[in-house]
Amino acid sequence: MRIPIQNTSLLVVDIQEKFAPHIYEYEKLLANCCALIKGCELLNLPIAITEQNSAKLGMTVPPIKELLSDHPYFEKIEFSCFDNIPYKEWLKTKSIKNVIICGIESHICVLQTAIDLKEAGYTPIVIWDAVSSRKLENKTLALERLKQEGVLISSTESILFELIKTFAHPQAKEISKLIK
């Protein structure tokens, strides 16, 4: 199954100030998330951002926050973003069917969100190079569990080119620049 631009959104999960420095390969995660966000913005995809208990974990990190100032933020205490009623309602208002997911932590919030979205009839796509956890073992475990659950796994470069389908797409050159 290919992922079309239509009815597809991006979900940026909990990339927050106090948590970020402890994440495995954080700089790589941040670079890939920023490229993914910029690409999705070029393609006019709806984008949502969650923050897990921001009073304790801080706000979204500045490099991400600067890119996403015009998109909705959802404060949550739930691990699964899909258990957050405002986010769930936002999905319905956008007629979204496919949800591209990046963020942290792979084995908790990303995993539970993807499983819940799949069970609810959505197609979650977890971007393996734009998710992470504090420990590599937890990221590895999460990706294996997601595969077992039948969740699609992709990469930043792969999903962006899949969305545009052809180099004839008006945004193809800009997308290409993002992943170099």
Protein backbone atom coordinates (compact mmCIF):
# COMPACT_ATOMS: atom_id res chain seq x y z
CA MET A 1 0.00 0.00 0.00
CA ARG A 2 1.36 3.42 -0.98
CA ILE A 3 0.77 6.49 1.14
CA PRO A 4 -0.87 9.38 -0.76
CA ILE A 5 -0.65 13.05 0.12
CA GLN A 6 -4.43 13.20 0.40
CA ASN A 7 -5.82 12.37 3.86
CA THR A 8 -2.32 12.12 5.34
CA SER A 9 -0.99 14.05 8.34
CA LEU A 10 2.14 14.29 10.43
CA LEU A 11 2.18 13.76 14.19
CA VAL A 12 5.20 15.06 16.11
CA VAL A 13 5.27 13.28 19.48
CA ASP A 14 6.74 14.80 22.65
CA ILE A 15 10.11 16.18 21.52
CA GLN A 16 10.53 18.23 24.67
CA GLU A 17 13.31 20.23 26.33
CA LYS A 18 13.98 18.22 29.49
CA PHE A 19 13.66 14.87 27.76
CA ALA A 20 15.59 15.51 24.55
CA PRO A 21 19.18 15.50 25.90
CA HIS A 22 18.72 11.93 27.17
CA ILE A 23 17.52 10.49 23.86
CA TYR A 24 19.71 8.07 21.90
CA GLU A 25 21.23 9.83 18.85
CA TYR A 26 19.22 12.96 19.60
CA GLU A 27 20.96 15.15 17.00
CA LYS A 28 20.19 12.64 14.24
CA LEU A 29 16.57 12.40 15.43
CA LEU A 30 16.26 16.18 15.47
CA ALA A 31 17.71 16.58 11.96
CA ASN A 32 15.39 13.95 10.51
CA CYS A 33 12.33 15.34 12.32
CA CYS A 34 13.10 18.83 11.03
CA ALA A 35 13.50 17.55 7.45
CA LEU A 36 10.25 15.59 7.76
CA ILE A 37 8.39 18.61 9.16
CA LYS A 38 9.71 20.92 6.42
CA GLY A 39 8.77 18.39 3.76
CA CYS A 40 5.27 17.92 5.13
CA GLU A 41 4.83 21.69 5.29
CA LEU A 42 5.92 22.01 1.65
CA LEU A 43 3.25 19.44 0.80
CA ASN A 44 0.63 21.24 2.93
CA LEU A 45 -0.04 18.23 5.14
CA PRO A 46 -1.86 18.87 8.41
CA ILE A 47 0.61 18.69 11.29
CA ALA A 48 -0.11 18.15 14.99
CA ILE A 49 2.31 18.31 17.90
CA THR A 50 1.94 16.72 21.32
CA GLU A 51 3.59 17.59 24.59
CA GLN A 52 3.65 15.06 27.42
CA ASN A 53 3.16 16.72 30.80
CA SER A 54 4.97 19.91 29.76
CA ALA A 55 5.03 21.20 33.37
CA LYS A 56 7.57 18.48 34.14
CA LEU A 57 9.18 17.75 30.77
CA GLY A 58 9.30 21.26 29.34
CA MET A 59 8.04 22.61 26.06
CA THR A 60 8.80 21.37 22.54
CA VAL A 61 12.49 21.96 21.74
CA PRO A 62 13.14 25.31 20.02
CA PRO A 63 14.25 23.97 16.59
CA ILE A 64 10.96 22.07 16.25
CA LYS A 65 8.83 24.76 17.88
CA GLU A 66 10.16 27.38 15.44
CA LEU A 67 9.06 25.23 12.50
CA LEU A 68 5.63 24.51 13.93
CA SER A 69 4.38 27.79 15.37
CA ASP A 70 1.28 27.74 13.14
CA HIS A 71 0.19 24.19 13.95
CA PRO A 72 -1.93 22.85 16.81
CA TYR A 73 -0.30 21.62 20.01
CA PHE A 74 -1.99 19.05 22.23
CA GLU A 75 -1.00 18.87 25.88
CA LYS A 76 -1.42 15.34 27.18
CA ILE A 77 -0.87 13.08 30.13
CA GLU A 78 -1.84 9.96 28.21
CA PHE A 79 0.96 7.90 26.69
CA SER A 80 -1.02 7.25 23.51
CA CYS A 81 -1.76 10.44 21.60
CA PHE A 82 -4.92 8.75 20.34
CA ASP A 83 -6.22 8.59 23.93
CA ASN A 84 -6.04 12.39 24.00
CA ILE A 85 -9.59 13.51 23.16
CA PRO A 86 -8.66 16.90 21.60
CA TYR A 87 -6.14 15.22 19.27
CA LYS A 88 -8.62 12.50 18.35
CA GLU A 89 -11.24 15.15 17.52
CA TRP A 90 -8.70 17.11 15.45
CA LEU A 91 -8.04 13.98 13.37
CA LYS A 92 -11.76 13.63 12.65
CA THR A 93 -12.13 17.25 11.55
CA LYS A 94 -9.32 16.82 9.02
CA SER A 95 -10.66 13.59 7.44
CA ILE A 96 -7.27 11.99 7.99
CA LYS A 97 -6.68 8.33 7.19
CA ASN A 98 -2.86 8.09 7.30
CA VAL A 99 -0.72 9.37 10.16
CA ILE A 100 3.04 9.75 9.76
CA ILE A 101 4.64 9.60 13.21
CA CYS A 102 7.94 10.99 14.46
CA GLY A 103 9.13 11.71 17.99
CA ILE A 104 9.91 10.15 21.34
CA GLU A 105 9.89 7.76 23.07
CA SER A 106 9.64 4.95 20.55
CA HIS A 107 8.72 2.24 23.04
CA ILE A 108 6.08 4.20 24.94
CA CYS A 109 4.17 7.09 23.34
CA VAL A 110 5.06 6.35 19.70
CA LEU A 111 4.33 2.63 20.08
CA GLN A 112 1.03 3.03 21.93
CA THR A 113 -0.13 5.78 19.57
CA ALA A 114 0.61 3.73 16.44
CA ILE A 115 -1.12 0.63 17.81
CA ASP A 116 -4.20 2.61 18.86
CA LEU A 117 -4.40 4.41 15.50
CA LYS A 118 -4.19 1.09 13.66
CA GLU A 119 -6.87 -0.49 15.84
CA ALA A 120 -9.12 2.53 15.15
CA GLY A 121 -8.82 2.06 11.36
CA TYR A 122 -6.09 4.59 10.58
CA THR A 123 -2.84 3.76 8.81
CA PRO A 124 0.06 4.81 11.05
CA ILE A 125 3.49 5.12 9.45
CA VAL A 126 6.35 5.25 11.95
CA ILE A 127 9.50 6.90 10.62
CA TRP A 128 12.32 4.78 12.02
CA ASP A 129 15.05 7.43 11.63
CA ALA A 130 12.81 10.12 13.19
CA VAL A 131 11.88 8.23 16.36
CA SER A 132 14.06 7.26 19.30
CA SER A 133 14.19 6.39 22.98
CA ARG A 134 16.64 6.94 25.80
CA LYS A 135 18.19 3.55 25.06
CA LEU A 136 18.84 1.95 21.68
CA GLU A 137 17.43 -1.33 23.01
CA ASN A 138 14.06 0.28 23.61
CA LYS A 139 13.97 1.79 20.13
CA THR A 140 14.87 -1.58 18.62
CA LEU A 141 12.21 -3.33 20.70
CA ALA A 142 9.60 -0.75 19.70
CA LEU A 143 10.31 -1.12 15.97
CA GLU A 144 10.10 -4.90 16.26
CA ARG A 145 6.81 -4.71 18.15
CA LEU A 146 5.41 -2.25 15.61
CA LYS A 147 6.25 -4.69 12.80
CA GLN A 148 4.53 -7.49 14.73
CA GLU A 149 1.46 -5.27 15.09
CA GLY A 150 1.39 -4.66 11.32
CA VAL A 151 2.31 -0.97 11.54
CA LEU A 152 4.10 0.46 8.51
CA ILE A 153 7.72 1.51 9.03
CA SER A 154 9.43 3.99 6.70
CA SER A 155 12.29 6.50 6.67
CA THR A 156 12.29 10.26 6.31
CA GLU A 157 13.62 10.14 2.76
CA SER A 158 11.40 7.25 1.69
CA ILE A 159 8.12 8.72 2.94
CA LEU A 160 8.75 12.17 1.45
CA PHE A 161 9.47 10.71 -1.98
CA GLU A 162 6.53 8.33 -1.66
CA LEU A 163 4.23 11.28 -1.00
CA ILE A 164 5.32 13.18 -4.12
CA LYS A 165 5.46 10.04 -6.35
CA THR A 166 7.47 11.69 -9.15
CA PHE A 167 10.27 14.16 -9.70
CA ALA A 168 7.74 16.07 -11.83
CA HIS A 169 5.95 17.07 -8.59
CA PRO A 170 6.15 20.87 -8.05
CA GLN A 171 7.90 20.40 -4.69
CA ALA A 172 10.30 17.62 -5.76
CA LYS A 173 13.43 19.79 -5.93
CA GLU A 174 12.73 21.29 -2.51
CA ILE A 175 12.07 17.85 -1.04
CA SER A 176 15.31 16.59 -2.54
CA LYS A 177 17.25 19.44 -0.93
CA LEU A 178 15.83 18.56 2.51
CA ILE A 179 17.27 15.09 2.61
CA LYS A 180 20.78 15.87 1.35
